[in-house]
C-alpha atoms as a PDB file:
ATOM      1  CA  UNK A   1      90.535 -18.015  97.705  1.00  0.00           C
ATOM      2  CA  UNK A   2      91.200 -14.307  97.280  1.00  0.00           C
ATOM      3  CA  UNK A   3      90.893 -12.124 100.374  1.00  0.00           C
ATOM      4  CA  UNK A   4      91.527  -8.591 101.539  1.00  0.00           C
ATOM      5  CA  UNK A   5      94.563  -8.500 103.838  1.00  0.00           C
ATOM      6  CA  UNK A   6      94.940  -5.580 106.223  1.00  0.00           C
ATOM      7  CA  UNK A   7      95.897  -4.509 109.736  1.00  0.00           C
ATOM      8  CA  UNK A   8      94.019  -2.613 112.450  1.00  0.00           C
ATOM      9  CA  UNK A   9      95.207   0.697 110.971  1.00  0.00           C
ATOM     10  CA  UNK A  10      93.906  -0.182 107.495  1.00  0.00           C
ATOM     11  CA  UNK A  11      97.329   0.524 105.992  1.00  0.00           C
ATOM     12  CA  UNK A  12      98.443  -2.817 104.541  1.00  0.00           C
ATOM     13  CA  UNK A  13      95.874  -2.814 101.707  1.00  0.00           C
ATOM     14  CA  UNK A  14      96.917  -6.038  99.984  1.00  0.00           C
ATOM     15  CA  UNK A  15      95.337  -9.033  98.307  1.00  0.00           C
ATOM     16  CA  UNK A  16      96.086 -12.450  99.794  1.00  0.00           C
ATOM     17  CA  UNK A  17      95.699 -15.882  98.210  1.00  0.00           C
ATOM     18  CA  UNK A  18      95.034 -19.223  99.862  1.00  0.00           C
ATOM     19  CA  UNK A  19      94.451 -22.531  98.076  1.00  0.00           C
ATOM     20  CA  UNK A  20      92.716 -25.813  98.841  1.00  0.00           C
ATOM     21  CA  UNK A  21      91.771 -28.959  96.966  1.00  0.00           C
ATOM     22  CA  UNK A  22      88.156 -28.556  98.146  1.00  0.00           C
ATOM     23  CA  UNK A  23      85.894 -25.502  98.646  1.00  0.00           C
ATOM     24  CA  UNK A  24      85.565 -26.307 102.355  1.00  0.00           C
ATOM     25  CA  UNK A  25      89.311 -26.429 103.033  1.00  0.00           C
ATOM     26  CA  UNK A  26      91.641 -26.700 104.711  1.00  0.00           C
ATOM     27  CA  UNK A  27      93.236 -23.742 102.936  1.00  0.00           C
ATOM     28  CA  UNK A  28      96.963 -23.087 102.694  1.00  0.00           C
ATOM     29  CA  UNK A  29      98.215 -19.496 102.618  1.00  0.00           C
ATOM     30  CA  UNK A  30     100.270 -18.808  99.464  1.00  0.00           C
ATOM     31  CA  UNK A  31     101.163 -15.132  99.180  1.00  0.00           C
ATOM     32  CA  UNK A  32      99.987 -11.535  99.302  1.00  0.00           C
ATOM     33  CA  UNK A  33     100.563  -8.645  96.911  1.00  0.00           C
ATOM     34  CA  UNK A  34      99.289  -5.277  95.750  1.00  0.00           C
ATOM     35  CA  UNK A  35      97.626  -5.768  92.360  1.00  0.00           C
ATOM     36  CA  UNK A  36      99.173  -3.566  89.665  1.00  0.00           C
ATOM     37  CA  UNK A  37     101.323  -2.173  92.487  1.00  0.00           C
ATOM     38  CA  UNK A  38      98.289  -0.373  93.917  1.00  0.00           C
ATOM     39  CA  UNK A  39      96.553  -0.355  97.290  1.00  0.00           C
ATOM     40  CA  UNK A  40      93.701  -2.855  97.374  1.00  0.00           C
ATOM     41  CA  UNK A  41      90.901  -2.931  99.897  1.00  0.00           C
ATOM     42  CA  UNK A  42      87.413  -4.224  99.163  1.00  0.00           C
ATOM     43  CA  UNK A  43      87.616  -6.853  96.407  1.00  0.00           C
ATOM     44  CA  UNK A  44      85.365  -8.903  94.159  1.00  0.00           C
ATOM     45  CA  UNK A  45      85.902 -11.542  91.497  1.00  0.00           C
ATOM     46  CA  UNK A  46      84.331 -12.342  88.146  1.00  0.00           C
ATOM     47  CA  UNK A  47      84.600 -15.299  85.774  1.00  0.00           C
ATOM     48  CA  UNK A  48      83.600 -14.516  82.197  1.00  0.00           C
ATOM     49  CA  UNK A  49      81.775 -16.916  79.898  1.00  0.00           C
ATOM     50  CA  UNK A  50      85.064 -17.839  78.194  1.00  0.00           C
ATOM     51  CA  UNK A  51      86.579 -18.921  81.519  1.00  0.00           C
ATOM     52  CA  UNK A  52      88.853 -15.911  82.005  1.00  0.00           C
ATOM     53  CA  UNK A  53      89.008 -14.609  85.579  1.00  0.00           C
ATOM     54  CA  UNK A  54      89.142 -11.064  86.906  1.00  0.00           C
ATOM     55  CA  UNK A  55      89.799  -9.243  90.160  1.00  0.00           C
ATOM     56  CA  UNK A  56      87.779  -6.144  91.044  1.00  0.00           C
ATOM     57  CA  UNK A  57      89.445  -4.004  93.683  1.00  0.00           C
ATOM     58  CA  UNK A  58      89.016  -0.600  95.278  1.00  0.00           C
ATOM     59  CA  UNK A  59      92.127   1.598  95.429  1.00  0.00           C
ATOM     60  CA  UNK A  60      91.508   4.600  97.654  1.00  0.00           C
ATOM     61  CA  UNK A  61      94.460   6.774  96.535  1.00  0.00           C
ATOM     62  CA  UNK A  62      93.263   6.402  92.933  1.00  0.00           C
ATOM     63  CA  UNK A  63      89.719   7.516  93.802  1.00  0.00           C
ATOM     64  CA  UNK A  64      88.129   4.595  92.017  1.00  0.00           C
ATOM     65  CA  UNK A  65      88.246   0.885  91.408  1.00  0.00           C
ATOM     66  CA  UNK A  66      89.864  -1.442  88.904  1.00  0.00           C
ATOM     67  CA  UNK A  67      88.994  -4.503  86.885  1.00  0.00           C
ATOM     68  CA  UNK A  68      92.125  -6.578  86.274  1.00  0.00           C
ATOM     69  CA  UNK A  69      92.576  -9.914  84.524  1.00  0.00           C
ATOM     70  CA  UNK A  70      94.211 -12.693  86.518  1.00  0.00           C
ATOM     71  CA  UNK A  71      97.177 -14.705  85.293  1.00  0.00           C
ATOM     72  CA  UNK A  72      96.518 -18.209  83.862  1.00  0.00           C
ATOM     73  CA  UNK A  73      97.492 -19.813  87.185  1.00  0.00           C
ATOM     74  CA  UNK A  74      95.158 -17.404  89.088  1.00  0.00           C
ATOM     75  CA  UNK A  75      97.983 -16.486  91.481  1.00  0.00           C
ATOM     76  CA  UNK A  76      98.620 -12.931  90.288  1.00  0.00           C
ATOM     77  CA  UNK A  77      97.226 -10.080  88.210  1.00  0.00           C
ATOM     78  CA  UNK A  78      98.225 -10.084  84.554  1.00  0.00           C
ATOM     79  CA  UNK A  79      96.921  -6.739  83.321  1.00  0.00           C
ATOM     80  CA  UNK A  80      94.592  -3.831  83.955  1.00  0.00           C
ATOM     81  CA  UNK A  81      91.371  -4.030  81.956  1.00  0.00           C
ATOM     82  CA  UNK A  82      89.461  -0.995  83.216  1.00  0.00           C
ATOM     83  CA  UNK A  83      89.580   1.817  85.751  1.00  0.00           C
ATOM     84  CA  UNK A  84      86.256   3.258  86.874  1.00  0.00           C
ATOM     85  CA  UNK A  85      86.703   6.738  88.270  1.00  0.00           C
ATOM     86  CA  UNK A  86      84.191   6.559  91.107  1.00  0.00           C
ATOM     87  CA  UNK A  87      84.923   5.711  94.744  1.00  0.00           C
ATOM     88  CA  UNK A  88      83.050   2.434  95.179  1.00  0.00           C
ATOM     89  CA  UNK A  89      83.471  -0.833  97.036  1.00  0.00           C
ATOM     90  CA  UNK A  90      81.588  -4.127  96.924  1.00  0.00           C
ATOM     91  CA  UNK A  91      82.387  -4.339  93.216  1.00  0.00           C
ATOM     92  CA  UNK A  92      80.480  -7.006  91.274  1.00  0.00           C
ATOM     93  CA  UNK A  93      80.427  -7.763  87.543  1.00  0.00           C
ATOM     94  CA  UNK A  94      78.201  -9.940  85.356  1.00  0.00           C
ATOM     95  CA  UNK A  95      78.000 -10.624  81.601  1.00  0.00           C
ATOM     96  CA  UNK A  96      74.426 -10.790  80.359  1.00  0.00           C
ATOM     97  CA  UNK A  97      73.171 -10.780  76.758  1.00  0.00           C
ATOM     98  CA  UNK A  98      76.179  -9.144  75.112  1.00  0.00           C
ATOM     99  CA  UNK A  99      76.594  -6.486  77.807  1.00  0.00           C
ATOM    100  CA  UNK A 100      78.699  -6.254  80.950  1.00  0.00           C
ATOM    101  CA  UNK A 101      77.221  -4.783  84.114  1.00  0.00           C
ATOM    102  CA  UNK A 102      79.211  -3.527  87.075  1.00  0.00           C
ATOM    103  CA  UNK A 103      77.671  -2.794  90.471  1.00  0.00           C
ATOM    104  CA  UNK A 104      79.147  -1.082  93.515  1.00  0.00           C
ATOM    105  CA  UNK A 105      78.443   0.554  96.858  1.00  0.00           C
ATOM    106  CA  UNK A 106      79.550   3.998  98.026  1.00  0.00           C
ATOM    107  CA  UNK A 107      82.091   4.295 100.857  1.00  0.00           C
ATOM    108  CA  UNK A 108      79.842   4.782 103.903  1.00  0.00           C
ATOM    109  CA  UNK A 109      81.298   2.219 106.290  1.00  0.00           C
ATOM    110  CA  UNK A 110      78.696  -0.108 107.771  1.00  0.00           C
ATOM    111  CA  UNK A 111      75.830   2.158 106.705  1.00  0.00           C
ATOM    112  CA  UNK A 112      73.848   1.234 103.571  1.00  0.00           C
ATOM    113  CA  UNK A 113      73.660   3.634 100.638  1.00  0.00           C
ATOM    114  CA  UNK A 114      72.290   3.813  97.079  1.00  0.00           C
ATOM    115  CA  UNK A 115      74.267   1.131  95.246  1.00  0.00           C
ATOM    116  CA  UNK A 116      74.939   2.118  91.645  1.00  0.00           C
ATOM    117  CA  UNK A 117      75.518   0.291  88.374  1.00  0.00           C
ATOM    118  CA  UNK A 118      76.936   0.878  84.908  1.00  0.00           C
ATOM    119  CA  UNK A 119      77.010  -1.139  81.683  1.00  0.00           C
ATOM    120  CA  UNK A 120      79.355  -1.549  78.734  1.00  0.00           C
ATOM    121  CA  UNK A 121      79.785  -3.670  75.598  1.00  0.00           C
ATOM    122  CA  UNK A 122      83.234  -4.731  76.839  1.00  0.00           C
ATOM    123  CA  UNK A 123      84.976  -4.995  80.188  1.00  0.00           C
ATOM    124  CA  UNK A 124      87.307  -2.269  78.984  1.00  0.00           C
ATOM    125  CA  UNK A 125      84.327   0.021  78.334  1.00  0.00           C
ATOM    126  CA  UNK A 126      83.136   2.524  77.495  1.00  0.00           C
ATOM    127  CA  UNK A 127      81.038   2.396  80.661  1.00  0.00           C
ATOM    128  CA  UNK A 128      77.789   4.315  80.967  1.00  0.00           C
ATOM    129  CA  UNK A 129      76.985   6.826  83.689  1.00  0.00           C
ATOM    130  CA  UNK A 130      76.409   5.196  87.073  1.00  0.00           C
ATOM    131  CA  UNK A 131      72.761   5.057  88.206  1.00  0.00           C
ATOM    132  CA  UNK A 132      71.047   3.740  91.377  1.00  0.00           C
ATOM    133  CA  UNK A 133      70.105   0.076  91.142  1.00  0.00           C
ATOM    134  CA  UNK A 134      67.113   0.608  93.452  1.00  0.00           C
ATOM    135  CA  UNK A 135      65.923   4.174  92.716  1.00  0.00           C
ATOM    136  CA  UNK A 136      62.779   3.865  94.839  1.00  0.00           C
ATOM    137  CA  UNK A 137      64.731   3.618  98.119  1.00  0.00           C
ATOM    138  CA  UNK A 138      67.787   5.511  99.451  1.00  0.00           C
ATOM    139  CA  UNK A 139      69.621   2.542 100.972  1.00  0.00           C
ATOM    140  CA  UNK A 140      69.288  -0.402  98.526  1.00  0.00           C
ATOM    141  CA  UNK A 141      66.903  -2.088 100.994  1.00  0.00           C
ATOM    142  CA  UNK A 142      69.643  -1.976 103.631  1.00  0.00           C
ATOM    143  CA  UNK A 143      72.065  -4.081 101.576  1.00  0.00           C
ATOM    144  CA  UNK A 144      75.556  -3.632 100.138  1.00  0.00           C
ATOM    145  CA  UNK A 145      76.555  -5.267  96.861  1.00  0.00           C
ATOM    146  CA  UNK A 146      78.808  -8.285  97.034  1.00  0.00           C
ATOM    147  CA  UNK A 147      78.196 -10.502  94.013  1.00  0.00           C
ATOM    148  CA  UNK A 148      76.104 -10.758  90.855  1.00  0.00           C
ATOM    149  CA  UNK A 149      75.507 -14.472  90.288  1.00  0.00           C
ATOM    150  CA  UNK A 150      74.324 -15.621  86.855  1.00  0.00           C
ATOM    151  CA  UNK A 151      72.376 -18.873  86.704  1.00  0.00           C
ATOM    152  CA  UNK A 152      72.091 -20.101  83.119  1.00  0.00           C
ATOM    153  CA  UNK A 153      69.364 -22.622  82.350  1.00  0.00           C
ATOM    154  CA  UNK A 154      68.058 -24.199  79.185  1.00  0.00           C
ATOM    155  CA  UNK A 155      65.335 -21.553  78.781  1.00  0.00           C
ATOM    156  CA  UNK A 156      66.621 -18.412  80.464  1.00  0.00           C
ATOM    157  CA  UNK A 157      69.485 -16.873  82.420  1.00  0.00           C
ATOM    158  CA  UNK A 158      68.813 -15.243  85.780  1.00  0.00           C
ATOM    159  CA  UNK A 159      71.088 -12.786  87.589  1.00  0.00           C
ATOM    160  CA  UNK A 160      70.931 -12.689  91.377  1.00  0.00           C
ATOM    161  CA  UNK A 161      71.983  -9.719  93.518  1.00  0.00           C
ATOM    162  CA  UNK A 162      73.799 -11.107  96.556  1.00  0.00           C
ATOM    163  CA  UNK A 163      74.307  -8.353  99.114  1.00  0.00           C
ATOM    164  CA  UNK A 164      75.392  -7.995 102.740  1.00  0.00           C
ATOM    165  CA  UNK A 165      72.985  -6.545 105.293  1.00  0.00           C
ATOM    166  CA  UNK A 166      75.271  -5.292 108.044  1.00  0.00           C
ATOM    167  CA  UNK A 167      74.270  -4.811 111.676  1.00  0.00           C
ATOM    168  CA  UNK A 168      77.111  -2.652 113.086  1.00  0.00           C
ATOM    169  CA  UNK A 169      76.129  -3.208 116.724  1.00  0.00           C
ATOM    170  CA  UNK A 170      75.537  -6.943 116.214  1.00  0.00           C
ATOM    171  CA  UNK A 171      77.877  -7.930 113.407  1.00  0.00           C
ATOM    172  CA  UNK A 172      77.537 -11.606 114.282  1.00  0.00           C
ATOM    173  CA  UNK A 173      73.855 -11.367 113.346  1.00  0.00           C
ATOM    174  CA  UNK A 174      74.375  -9.636 109.989  1.00  0.00           C
ATOM    175  CA  UNK A 175      72.342 -11.212 107.200  1.00  0.00           C
ATOM    176  CA  UNK A 176      72.101 -11.243 103.403  1.00  0.00           C
ATOM    177  CA  UNK A 177      69.754 -10.022 100.704  1.00  0.00           C
ATOM    178  CA  UNK A 178      69.541 -12.337  97.701  1.00  0.00           C
ATOM    179  CA  UNK A 179      67.136 -11.119  95.036  1.00  0.00           C
ATOM    180  CA  UNK A 180      66.927 -11.538  91.241  1.00  0.00           C
ATOM    181  CA  UNK A 181      67.538  -8.305  89.333  1.00  0.00           C
ATOM    182  CA  UNK A 182      65.885  -7.094  86.134  1.00  0.00           C
ATOM    183  CA  UNK A 183      68.371  -6.503  83.290  1.00  0.00           C
ATOM    184  CA  UNK A 184      67.405  -4.963  79.976  1.00  0.00           C
ATOM    185  CA  UNK A 185      69.326  -2.970  77.351  1.00  0.00           C
ATOM    186  CA  UNK A 186      71.970  -1.723  79.757  1.00  0.00           C
ATOM    187  CA  UNK A 187      69.624  -1.029  82.669  1.00  0.00           C
ATOM    188  CA  UNK A 188      69.576  -2.873  85.992  1.00  0.00           C
ATOM    189  CA  UNK A 189      66.863  -2.756  88.635  1.00  0.00           C
ATOM    190  CA  UNK A 190      66.766  -4.440  92.027  1.00  0.00           C
ATOM    191  CA  UNK A 191      63.079  -4.934  92.962  1.00  0.00           C
ATOM    192  CA  UNK A 192      61.755  -4.814  96.540  1.00  0.00           C
ATOM    193  CA  UNK A 193      62.627  -7.934  98.544  1.00  0.00           C
ATOM    194  CA  UNK A 194      60.062 -10.727  98.361  1.00  0.00           C
ATOM    195  CA  UNK A 195      59.974 -14.518  98.499  1.00  0.00           C
ATOM    196  CA  UNK A 196      61.188 -16.050  95.245  1.00  0.00           C
ATOM    197  CA  UNK A 197      62.242 -19.334  93.742  1.00  0.00           C
ATOM    198  CA  UNK A 198      64.458 -20.353  90.836  1.00  0.00           C
ATOM    199  CA  UNK A 199      64.434 -23.437  88.640  1.00  0.00           C
ATOM    200  CA  UNK A 200      68.159 -23.984  88.137  1.00  0.00           C
ATOM    201  CA  UNK A 201      67.514 -26.307  85.180  1.00  0.00           C
ATOM    202  CA  UNK A 202      65.508 -23.762  83.185  1.00  0.00           C
ATOM    203  CA  UNK A 203      66.887 -20.558  84.720  1.00  0.00           C
ATOM    204  CA  UNK A 204      63.352 -19.278  85.273  1.00  0.00           C
ATOM    205  CA  UNK A 205      62.562 -17.175  88.355  1.00  0.00           C
ATOM    206  CA  UNK A 206      59.222 -16.797  90.140  1.00  0.00           C
ATOM    207  CA  UNK A 207      58.704 -13.869  92.539  1.00  0.00           C
ATOM    208  CA  UNK A 208      55.807 -13.529  94.991  1.00  0.00           C
ATOM    209  CA  UNK A 209      54.754 -10.099  93.728  1.00  0.00           C
ATOM    210  CA  UNK A 210      51.673  -9.935  95.946  1.00  0.00           C
ATOM    211  CA  UNK A 211      53.751 -10.018  99.131  1.00  0.00           C
ATOM    212  CA  UNK A 212      56.275  -7.688  97.536  1.00  0.00           C
ATOM    213  CA  UNK A 213      53.626  -5.073  96.767  1.00  0.00           C
ATOM    214  CA  UNK A 214      51.938  -5.394 100.149  1.00  0.00           C
ATOM    215  CA  UNK A 215      55.184  -5.037 102.084  1.00  0.00           C
ATOM    216  CA  UNK A 216      56.374  -1.900 100.314  1.00  0.00           C
ATOM    217  CA  UNK A 217      53.053  -0.088  99.929  1.00  0.00           C
ATOM    218  CA  UNK A 218      52.642   0.481 103.669  1.00  0.00           C
END
């Protein structure tokens, strides 16, 4: 388990690692460090199709965020792969049909904002200009990016946006927005939230477009 380690003054800015033999724990704390010797705050992780693992971390003094490959034992960072010169957090990466997509959220605290994405033929780039993932709304439907989950079936591969919907005054009641995204030729679009289902065997997604249209046409 990788986690952001900090204090009440937000000055520690380190990555911490804990390990367990099962996903549900108990976890044992191992160590903490600053990846590449840099401050690290909001983090994400990505496993490529070849099994290689990466850490995505925001470094405020650098004014951007990094993609770094993990060591074979997953207990440290081996090398920098890319630096994206835009102040973003909630970094998420997915590999889909020969292209890599990266998604992030602007630094607005608990308040939602237009999450943006970029694409590239390689994790090292070159990355395209960042664009809003949900251009029809100013706040990404109230969500902040957290993970892009690819579900590969025997007919199709679906990519699911998994975002946090924060309630600053009632953090204990904060929820999530999980919604399949549309990916095509380097473009990503997060459609309006609606009920949906996925067949994990085939990778095919079905969205209730009637409710989606009705909800967002009012």
